[in-house]
mmCIF file of all heavy atoms, coordinates in Angstrom:
data_MODEL
# 
_entry.id   MODEL 
# 
loop_
_atom_site.group_PDB 
_atom_site.id 
_atom_site.type_symbol 
_atom_site.label_atom_id 
_atom_site.label_alt_id 
_atom_site.label_comp_id 
_atom_site.label_asym_id 
_atom_site.label_entity_id 
_atom_site.label_seq_id 
_atom_site.pdbx_PDB_ins_code 
_atom_site.Cartn_x 
_atom_site.Cartn_y 
_atom_site.Cartn_z 
_atom_site.occupancy 
_atom_site.B_iso_or_equiv 
_atom_site.pdbx_formal_charge 
_atom_site.auth_seq_id 
_atom_site.auth_comp_id 
_atom_site.auth_asym_id 
_atom_site.auth_atom_id 
_atom_site.pdbx_PDB_model_num 
ATOM 1   N N   . LEU A 1 1  ? 4.032  -1.282 -3.303  1.00 0.00 ? 1  LEU A N   1 
ATOM 2   C CA  . LEU A 1 1  ? 4.430  0.069  -3.714  1.00 0.00 ? 1  LEU A CA  1 
ATOM 3   C C   . LEU A 1 1  ? 5.373  0.003  -4.914  1.00 0.00 ? 1  LEU A C   1 
ATOM 4   O O   . LEU A 1 1  ? 5.309  0.846  -5.817  1.00 0.00 ? 1  LEU A O   1 
ATOM 5   C CB  . LEU A 1 1  ? 5.108  0.772  -2.533  1.00 0.00 ? 1  LEU A CB  1 
ATOM 6   C CG  . LEU A 1 1  ? 5.345  2.278  -2.642  1.00 0.00 ? 1  LEU A CG  1 
ATOM 7   C CD1 . LEU A 1 1  ? 4.024  3.031  -2.784  1.00 0.00 ? 1  LEU A CD1 1 
ATOM 8   C CD2 . LEU A 1 1  ? 6.104  2.777  -1.418  1.00 0.00 ? 1  LEU A CD2 1 
ATOM 9   N N   . GLY A 1 2  ? 6.239  -1.021 -4.917  1.00 0.00 ? 2  GLY A N   1 
ATOM 10  C CA  . GLY A 1 2  ? 7.154  -1.186 -6.037  1.00 0.00 ? 2  GLY A CA  1 
ATOM 11  C C   . GLY A 1 2  ? 6.507  -1.841 -7.244  1.00 0.00 ? 2  GLY A C   1 
ATOM 12  O O   . GLY A 1 2  ? 6.918  -1.610 -8.383  1.00 0.00 ? 2  GLY A O   1 
ATOM 13  N N   . ASP A 1 3  ? 5.485  -2.665 -6.984  1.00 0.00 ? 3  ASP A N   1 
ATOM 14  C CA  . ASP A 1 3  ? 4.781  -3.358 -8.066  1.00 0.00 ? 3  ASP A CA  1 
ATOM 15  C C   . ASP A 1 3  ? 3.281  -3.243 -7.810  1.00 0.00 ? 3  ASP A C   1 
ATOM 16  O O   . ASP A 1 3  ? 2.701  -4.068 -7.102  1.00 0.00 ? 3  ASP A O   1 
ATOM 17  C CB  . ASP A 1 3  ? 5.204  -4.829 -8.109  1.00 0.00 ? 3  ASP A CB  1 
ATOM 18  C CG  . ASP A 1 3  ? 4.535  -5.593 -9.249  1.00 0.00 ? 3  ASP A CG  1 
ATOM 19  O OD1 . ASP A 1 3  ? 3.711  -4.993 -9.972  1.00 0.00 ? 3  ASP A OD1 1 
ATOM 20  O OD2 . ASP A 1 3  ? 4.826  -6.794 -9.395  1.00 0.00 ? 3  ASP A OD2 1 
ATOM 21  N N   . PRO A 1 4  ? 2.620  -2.219 -8.370  1.00 0.00 ? 4  PRO A N   1 
ATOM 22  C CA  . PRO A 1 4  ? 1.197  -1.969 -8.096  1.00 0.00 ? 4  PRO A CA  1 
ATOM 23  C C   . PRO A 1 4  ? 0.280  -3.150 -8.419  1.00 0.00 ? 4  PRO A C   1 
ATOM 24  O O   . PRO A 1 4  ? -0.833 -3.220 -7.886  1.00 0.00 ? 4  PRO A O   1 
ATOM 25  C CB  . PRO A 1 4  ? 0.875  -0.769 -8.995  1.00 0.00 ? 4  PRO A CB  1 
ATOM 26  C CG  . PRO A 1 4  ? 2.186  -0.073 -9.156  1.00 0.00 ? 4  PRO A CG  1 
ATOM 27  C CD  . PRO A 1 4  ? 3.212  -1.167 -9.212  1.00 0.00 ? 4  PRO A CD  1 
ATOM 28  N N   . SER A 1 5  ? 0.744  -4.095 -9.230  1.00 0.00 ? 5  SER A N   1 
ATOM 29  C CA  . SER A 1 5  ? -0.106 -5.253 -9.533  1.00 0.00 ? 5  SER A CA  1 
ATOM 30  C C   . SER A 1 5  ? -0.320 -6.133 -8.311  1.00 0.00 ? 5  SER A C   1 
ATOM 31  O O   . SER A 1 5  ? -1.245 -6.948 -8.277  1.00 0.00 ? 5  SER A O   1 
ATOM 32  C CB  . SER A 1 5  ? 0.515  -6.084 -10.661 1.00 0.00 ? 5  SER A CB  1 
ATOM 33  O OG  . SER A 1 5  ? 1.721  -6.710 -10.233 1.00 0.00 ? 5  SER A OG  1 
ATOM 34  N N   . LEU A 1 6  ? 0.529  -5.974 -7.289  1.00 0.00 ? 6  LEU A N   1 
ATOM 35  C CA  . LEU A 1 6  ? 0.398  -6.759 -6.057  1.00 0.00 ? 6  LEU A CA  1 
ATOM 36  C C   . LEU A 1 6  ? -0.586 -6.129 -5.076  1.00 0.00 ? 6  LEU A C   1 
ATOM 37  O O   . LEU A 1 6  ? -0.934 -6.754 -4.069  1.00 0.00 ? 6  LEU A O   1 
ATOM 38  C CB  . LEU A 1 6  ? 1.765  -6.894 -5.376  1.00 0.00 ? 6  LEU A CB  1 
ATOM 39  C CG  . LEU A 1 6  ? 2.861  -7.597 -6.171  1.00 0.00 ? 6  LEU A CG  1 
ATOM 40  C CD1 . LEU A 1 6  ? 4.185  -7.544 -5.412  1.00 0.00 ? 6  LEU A CD1 1 
ATOM 41  C CD2 . LEU A 1 6  ? 2.466  -9.039 -6.451  1.00 0.00 ? 6  LEU A CD2 1 
ATOM 42  N N   . ALA A 1 7  ? -1.024 -4.900 -5.340  1.00 0.00 ? 7  ALA A N   1 
ATOM 43  C CA  . ALA A 1 7  ? -1.918 -4.187 -4.418  1.00 0.00 ? 7  ALA A CA  1 
ATOM 44  C C   . ALA A 1 7  ? -3.330 -4.758 -4.486  1.00 0.00 ? 7  ALA A C   1 
ATOM 45  O O   . ALA A 1 7  ? -3.760 -5.291 -5.517  1.00 0.00 ? 7  ALA A O   1 
ATOM 46  C CB  . ALA A 1 7  ? -1.930 -2.701 -4.744  1.00 0.00 ? 7  ALA A CB  1 
ATOM 47  N N   . GLU A 1 8  ? -4.048 -4.632 -3.375  1.00 0.00 ? 8  GLU A N   1 
ATOM 48  C CA  . GLU A 1 8  ? -5.452 -5.032 -3.351  1.00 0.00 ? 8  GLU A CA  1 
ATOM 49  C C   . GLU A 1 8  ? -6.249 -4.111 -4.264  1.00 0.00 ? 8  GLU A C   1 
ATOM 50  O O   . GLU A 1 8  ? -6.003 -2.900 -4.299  1.00 0.00 ? 8  GLU A O   1 
ATOM 51  C CB  . GLU A 1 8  ? -6.011 -4.938 -1.926  1.00 0.00 ? 8  GLU A CB  1 
ATOM 52  C CG  . GLU A 1 8  ? -5.450 -5.979 -0.959  1.00 0.00 ? 8  GLU A CG  1 
ATOM 53  C CD  . GLU A 1 8  ? -5.951 -7.367 -1.278  1.00 0.00 ? 8  GLU A CD  1 
ATOM 54  O OE1 . GLU A 1 8  ? -7.088 -7.496 -1.782  1.00 0.00 ? 8  GLU A OE1 1 
ATOM 55  O OE2 . GLU A 1 8  ? -5.203 -8.340 -1.033  1.00 0.00 ? 8  GLU A OE2 1 
ATOM 56  N N   . PRO A 1 9  ? -7.202 -4.668 -5.006  1.00 0.00 ? 9  PRO A N   1 
ATOM 57  C CA  . PRO A 1 9  ? -8.010 -3.822 -5.899  1.00 0.00 ? 9  PRO A CA  1 
ATOM 58  C C   . PRO A 1 9  ? -8.696 -2.686 -5.132  1.00 0.00 ? 9  PRO A C   1 
ATOM 59  O O   . PRO A 1 9  ? -9.205 -2.879 -4.024  1.00 0.00 ? 9  PRO A O   1 
ATOM 60  C CB  . PRO A 1 9  ? -9.047 -4.804 -6.464  1.00 0.00 ? 9  PRO A CB  1 
ATOM 61  C CG  . PRO A 1 9  ? -8.397 -6.152 -6.345  1.00 0.00 ? 9  PRO A CG  1 
ATOM 62  C CD  . PRO A 1 9  ? -7.574 -6.096 -5.099  1.00 0.00 ? 9  PRO A CD  1 
ATOM 63  N N   . GLY A 1 10 ? -8.671 -1.507 -5.733  1.00 0.00 ? 10 GLY A N   1 
ATOM 64  C CA  . GLY A 1 10 ? -9.350 -0.367 -5.132  1.00 0.00 ? 10 GLY A CA  1 
ATOM 65  C C   . GLY A 1 10 ? -8.564 0.330  -4.048  1.00 0.00 ? 10 GLY A C   1 
ATOM 66  O O   . GLY A 1 10 ? -9.108 1.206  -3.358  1.00 0.00 ? 10 GLY A O   1 
ATOM 67  N N   . THR A 1 11 ? -7.306 -0.041 -3.847  1.00 0.00 ? 11 THR A N   1 
ATOM 68  C CA  . THR A 1 11 ? -6.490 0.607  -2.822  1.00 0.00 ? 11 THR A CA  1 
ATOM 69  C C   . THR A 1 11 ? -5.351 1.384  -3.470  1.00 0.00 ? 11 THR A C   1 
ATOM 70  O O   . THR A 1 11 ? -4.894 1.056  -4.570  1.00 0.00 ? 11 THR A O   1 
ATOM 71  C CB  . THR A 1 11 ? -5.889 -0.425 -1.844  1.00 0.00 ? 11 THR A CB  1 
ATOM 72  O OG1 . THR A 1 11 ? -5.004 -1.302 -2.565  1.00 0.00 ? 11 THR A OG1 1 
ATOM 73  C CG2 . THR A 1 11 ? -6.989 -1.232 -1.181  1.00 0.00 ? 11 THR A CG2 1 
ATOM 74  N N   . ASP A 1 12 ? -4.890 2.410  -2.773  1.00 0.00 ? 12 ASP A N   1 
ATOM 75  C CA  . ASP A 1 12 ? -3.748 3.199  -3.209  1.00 0.00 ? 12 ASP A CA  1 
ATOM 76  C C   . ASP A 1 12 ? -2.509 2.648  -2.500  1.00 0.00 ? 12 ASP A C   1 
ATOM 77  O O   . ASP A 1 12 ? -2.413 2.735  -1.269  1.00 0.00 ? 12 ASP A O   1 
ATOM 78  C CB  . ASP A 1 12 ? -3.959 4.666  -2.851  1.00 0.00 ? 12 ASP A CB  1 
ATOM 79  C CG  . ASP A 1 12 ? -2.834 5.552  -3.352  1.00 0.00 ? 12 ASP A CG  1 
ATOM 80  O OD1 . ASP A 1 12 ? -1.713 5.040  -3.556  1.00 0.00 ? 12 ASP A OD1 1 
ATOM 81  O OD2 . ASP A 1 12 ? -3.060 6.760  -3.523  1.00 0.00 ? 12 ASP A OD2 1 
ATOM 82  N N   . PRO A 1 13 ? -1.558 2.057  -3.232  1.00 0.00 ? 13 PRO A N   1 
ATOM 83  C CA  . PRO A 1 13 ? -0.376 1.469  -2.582  1.00 0.00 ? 13 PRO A CA  1 
ATOM 84  C C   . PRO A 1 13 ? 0.358  2.432  -1.670  1.00 0.00 ? 13 PRO A C   1 
ATOM 85  O O   . PRO A 1 13 ? 0.888  2.018  -0.631  1.00 0.00 ? 13 PRO A O   1 
ATOM 86  C CB  . PRO A 1 13 ? 0.498  1.048  -3.777  1.00 0.00 ? 13 PRO A CB  1 
ATOM 87  C CG  . PRO A 1 13 ? -0.466 0.828  -4.889  1.00 0.00 ? 13 PRO A CG  1 
ATOM 88  C CD  . PRO A 1 13 ? -1.539 1.867  -4.692  1.00 0.00 ? 13 PRO A CD  1 
ATOM 89  N N   . ALA A 1 14 ? 0.382  3.711  -2.024  1.00 0.00 ? 14 ALA A N   1 
ATOM 90  C CA  . ALA A 1 14 ? 1.085  4.694  -1.197  1.00 0.00 ? 14 ALA A CA  1 
ATOM 91  C C   . ALA A 1 14 ? 0.381  4.872  0.145   1.00 0.00 ? 14 ALA A C   1 
ATOM 92  O O   . ALA A 1 14 ? 1.032  4.960  1.200   1.00 0.00 ? 14 ALA A O   1 
ATOM 93  C CB  . ALA A 1 14 ? 1.179  6.025  -1.927  1.00 0.00 ? 14 ALA A CB  1 
ATOM 94  N N   . ASP A 1 15 ? -0.952 4.918  0.125   1.00 0.00 ? 15 ASP A N   1 
ATOM 95  C CA  . ASP A 1 15 ? -1.716 5.056  1.366   1.00 0.00 ? 15 ASP A CA  1 
ATOM 96  C C   . ASP A 1 15 ? -1.568 3.810  2.238   1.00 0.00 ? 15 ASP A C   1 
ATOM 97  O O   . ASP A 1 15 ? -1.425 3.906  3.468   1.00 0.00 ? 15 ASP A O   1 
ATOM 98  C CB  . ASP A 1 15 ? -3.196 5.299  1.057   1.00 0.00 ? 15 ASP A CB  1 
ATOM 99  C CG  . ASP A 1 15 ? -3.450 6.673  0.459   1.00 0.00 ? 15 ASP A CG  1 
ATOM 100 O OD1 . ASP A 1 15 ? -2.569 7.552  0.595   1.00 0.00 ? 15 ASP A OD1 1 
ATOM 101 O OD2 . ASP A 1 15 ? -4.525 6.864  -0.149  1.00 0.00 ? 15 ASP A OD2 1 
ATOM 102 N N   . VAL A 1 16 ? -1.616 2.644  1.600   1.00 0.00 ? 16 VAL A N   1 
ATOM 103 C CA  . VAL A 1 16 ? -1.479 1.385  2.347   1.00 0.00 ? 16 VAL A CA  1 
ATOM 104 C C   . VAL A 1 16 ? -0.099 1.303  2.994   1.00 0.00 ? 16 VAL A C   1 
ATOM 105 O O   . VAL A 1 16 ? 0.040  0.907  4.160   1.00 0.00 ? 16 VAL A O   1 
ATOM 106 C CB  . VAL A 1 16 ? -1.708 0.171  1.417   1.00 0.00 ? 16 VAL A CB  1 
ATOM 107 C CG1 . VAL A 1 16 ? -1.393 -1.130 2.145   1.00 0.00 ? 16 VAL A CG1 1 
ATOM 108 C CG2 . VAL A 1 16 ? -3.145 0.159  0.919   1.00 0.00 ? 16 VAL A CG2 1 
ATOM 109 N N   . TYR A 1 17 ? 0.927  1.698  2.249   1.00 0.00 ? 17 TYR A N   1 
ATOM 110 C CA  . TYR A 1 17 ? 2.285  1.651  2.798   1.00 0.00 ? 17 TYR A CA  1 
ATOM 111 C C   . TYR A 1 17 ? 2.434  2.637  3.957   1.00 0.00 ? 17 TYR A C   1 
ATOM 112 O O   . TYR A 1 17 ? 3.050  2.308  4.980   1.00 0.00 ? 17 TYR A O   1 
ATOM 113 C CB  . TYR A 1 17 ? 3.314  1.973  1.717   1.00 0.00 ? 17 TYR A CB  1 
ATOM 114 C CG  . TYR A 1 17 ? 4.725  2.011  2.260   1.00 0.00 ? 17 TYR A CG  1 
ATOM 115 C CD1 . TYR A 1 17 ? 5.413  0.830  2.527   1.00 0.00 ? 17 TYR A CD1 1 
ATOM 116 C CD2 . TYR A 1 17 ? 5.349  3.230  2.533   1.00 0.00 ? 17 TYR A CD2 1 
ATOM 117 C CE1 . TYR A 1 17 ? 6.695  0.859  3.055   1.00 0.00 ? 17 TYR A CE1 1 
ATOM 118 C CE2 . TYR A 1 17 ? 6.633  3.263  3.057   1.00 0.00 ? 17 TYR A CE2 1 
ATOM 119 C CZ  . TYR A 1 17 ? 7.302  2.081  3.319   1.00 0.00 ? 17 TYR A CZ  1 
ATOM 120 O OH  . TYR A 1 17 ? 8.559  2.115  3.852   1.00 0.00 ? 17 TYR A OH  1 
ATOM 121 N N   . SER A 1 18 ? 1.872  3.829  3.808   1.00 0.00 ? 18 SER A N   1 
ATOM 122 C CA  . SER A 1 18 ? 1.970  4.835  4.880   1.00 0.00 ? 18 SER A CA  1 
ATOM 123 C C   . SER A 1 18 ? 1.325  4.323  6.168   1.00 0.00 ? 18 SER A C   1 
ATOM 124 O O   . SER A 1 18 ? 1.889  4.462  7.255   1.00 0.00 ? 18 SER A O   1 
ATOM 125 C CB  . SER A 1 18 ? 1.297  6.135  4.426   1.00 0.00 ? 18 SER A CB  1 
ATOM 126 O OG  . SER A 1 18 ? 1.334  7.100  5.455   1.00 0.00 ? 18 SER A OG  1 
ATOM 127 N N   . ALA A 1 19 ? 0.143  3.699  6.030   1.00 0.00 ? 19 ALA A N   1 
ATOM 128 C CA  . ALA A 1 19 ? -0.550 3.161  7.208   1.00 0.00 ? 19 ALA A CA  1 
ATOM 129 C C   . ALA A 1 19 ? 0.236  2.008  7.809   1.00 0.00 ? 19 ALA A C   1 
ATOM 130 O O   . ALA A 1 19 ? 0.352  1.892  9.045   1.00 0.00 ? 19 ALA A O   1 
ATOM 131 C CB  . ALA A 1 19 ? -1.955 2.709  6.825   1.00 0.00 ? 19 ALA A CB  1 
ATOM 132 N N   . ALA A 1 20 ? 0.797  1.137  6.963   1.00 0.00 ? 20 ALA A N   1 
ATOM 133 C CA  . ALA A 1 20 ? 1.565  -0.008 7.456   1.00 0.00 ? 20 ALA A CA  1 
ATOM 134 C C   . ALA A 1 20 ? 2.835  0.456  8.164   1.00 0.00 ? 20 ALA A C   1 
ATOM 135 O O   . ALA A 1 20 ? 3.231  -0.115 9.190   1.00 0.00 ? 20 ALA A O   1 
ATOM 136 C CB  . ALA A 1 20 ? 1.918  -0.937 6.298   1.00 0.00 ? 20 ALA A CB  1 
ATOM 137 N N   . LEU A 1 21 ? 3.482  1.500  7.623   1.00 0.00 ? 21 LEU A N   1 
ATOM 138 C CA  . LEU A 1 21 ? 4.691  2.033  8.260   1.00 0.00 ? 21 LEU A CA  1 
ATOM 139 C C   . LEU A 1 21 ? 4.366  2.630  9.621   1.00 0.00 ? 21 LEU A C   1 
ATOM 140 O O   . LEU A 1 21 ? 5.102  2.416  10.603  1.00 0.00 ? 21 LEU A O   1 
ATOM 141 C CB  . LEU A 1 21 ? 5.329  3.081  7.354   1.00 0.00 ? 21 LEU A CB  1 
ATOM 142 C CG  . LEU A 1 21 ? 6.585  3.778  7.901   1.00 0.00 ? 21 LEU A CG  1 
ATOM 143 C CD1 . LEU A 1 21 ? 7.689  2.760  8.182   1.00 0.00 ? 21 LEU A CD1 1 
ATOM 144 C CD2 . LEU A 1 21 ? 7.074  4.851  6.932   1.00 0.00 ? 21 LEU A CD2 1 
ATOM 145 N N   . ASP A 1 22 ? 3.265  3.366  9.704   1.00 0.00 ? 22 ASP A N   1 
ATOM 146 C CA  . ASP A 1 22 ? 2.855  3.947  10.983  1.00 0.00 ? 22 ASP A CA  1 
ATOM 147 C C   . ASP A 1 22 ? 2.607  2.849  12.017  1.00 0.00 ? 22 ASP A C   1 
ATOM 148 O O   . ASP A 1 22 ? 3.013  2.974  13.183  1.00 0.00 ? 22 ASP A O   1 
ATOM 149 C CB  . ASP A 1 22 ? 1.587  4.789  10.809  1.00 0.00 ? 22 ASP A CB  1 
ATOM 150 C CG  . ASP A 1 22 ? 1.855  6.103  10.090  1.00 0.00 ? 22 ASP A CG  1 
ATOM 151 O OD1 . ASP A 1 22 ? 3.036  6.505  9.998   1.00 0.00 ? 22 ASP A OD1 1 
ATOM 152 O OD2 . ASP A 1 22 ? 0.883  6.725  9.612   1.00 0.00 ? 22 ASP A OD2 1 
ATOM 153 N N   . ARG A 1 23 ? 1.918  1.771  11.600  1.00 0.00 ? 23 ARG A N   1 
ATOM 154 C CA  . ARG A 1 23 ? 1.641  0.673  12.528  1.00 0.00 ? 23 ARG A CA  1 
ATOM 155 C C   . ARG A 1 23 ? 2.933  -0.032 12.939  1.00 0.00 ? 23 ARG A C   1 
ATOM 156 O O   . ARG A 1 23 ? 3.106  -0.412 14.091  1.00 0.00 ? 23 ARG A O   1 
ATOM 157 C CB  . ARG A 1 23 ? 0.665  -0.322 11.883  1.00 0.00 ? 23 ARG A CB  1 
ATOM 158 C CG  . ARG A 1 23 ? 0.405  -1.606 12.695  1.00 0.00 ? 23 ARG A CG  1 
ATOM 159 C CD  . ARG A 1 23 ? -0.051 -1.317 14.124  1.00 0.00 ? 23 ARG A CD  1 
ATOM 160 N NE  . ARG A 1 23 ? -1.306 -0.629 14.186  1.00 0.00 ? 23 ARG A NE  1 
ATOM 161 C CZ  . ARG A 1 23 ? -2.480 -1.236 14.320  1.00 0.00 ? 23 ARG A CZ  1 
ATOM 162 N NH1 . ARG A 1 23 ? -2.546 -2.548 14.368  1.00 0.00 ? 23 ARG A NH1 1 
ATOM 163 N NH2 . ARG A 1 23 ? -3.586 -0.525 14.404  1.00 0.00 ? 23 ARG A NH2 1 
ATOM 164 N N   . TRP A 1 24 ? 3.856  -0.201 11.998  1.00 0.00 ? 24 TRP A N   1 
ATOM 165 C CA  . TRP A 1 24 ? 5.141  -0.839 12.288  1.00 0.00 ? 24 TRP A CA  1 
ATOM 166 C C   . TRP A 1 24 ? 5.927  -0.042 13.324  1.00 0.00 ? 24 TRP A C   1 
ATOM 167 O O   . TRP A 1 24 ? 6.467  -0.602 14.279  1.00 0.00 ? 24 TRP A O   1 
ATOM 168 C CB  . TRP A 1 24 ? 5.932  -0.968 10.989  1.00 0.00 ? 24 TRP A CB  1 
ATOM 169 C CG  . TRP A 1 24 ? 7.248  -1.683 11.129  1.00 0.00 ? 24 TRP A CG  1 
ATOM 170 C CD1 . TRP A 1 24 ? 7.461  -3.029 11.257  1.00 0.00 ? 24 TRP A CD1 1 
ATOM 171 C CD2 . TRP A 1 24 ? 8.546  -1.071 11.135  1.00 0.00 ? 24 TRP A CD2 1 
ATOM 172 N NE1 . TRP A 1 24 ? 8.803  -3.298 11.343  1.00 0.00 ? 24 TRP A NE1 1 
ATOM 173 C CE2 . TRP A 1 24 ? 9.500  -2.114 11.265  1.00 0.00 ? 24 TRP A CE2 1 
ATOM 174 C CE3 . TRP A 1 24 ? 8.999  0.240  11.034  1.00 0.00 ? 24 TRP A CE3 1 
ATOM 175 C CZ2 . TRP A 1 24 ? 10.871 -1.872 11.308  1.00 0.00 ? 24 TRP A CZ2 1 
ATOM 176 C CZ3 . TRP A 1 24 ? 10.357 0.475  11.075  1.00 0.00 ? 24 TRP A CZ3 1 
ATOM 177 C CH2 . TRP A 1 24 ? 11.281 -0.574 11.211  1.00 0.00 ? 24 TRP A CH2 1 
# 
């Protein structure tokens, strides 16, 4: 989320973080 270059191609870092936070 802080560095979009670390995100998986084709993914939205904000969506990935939201899902990861919910799972956490």
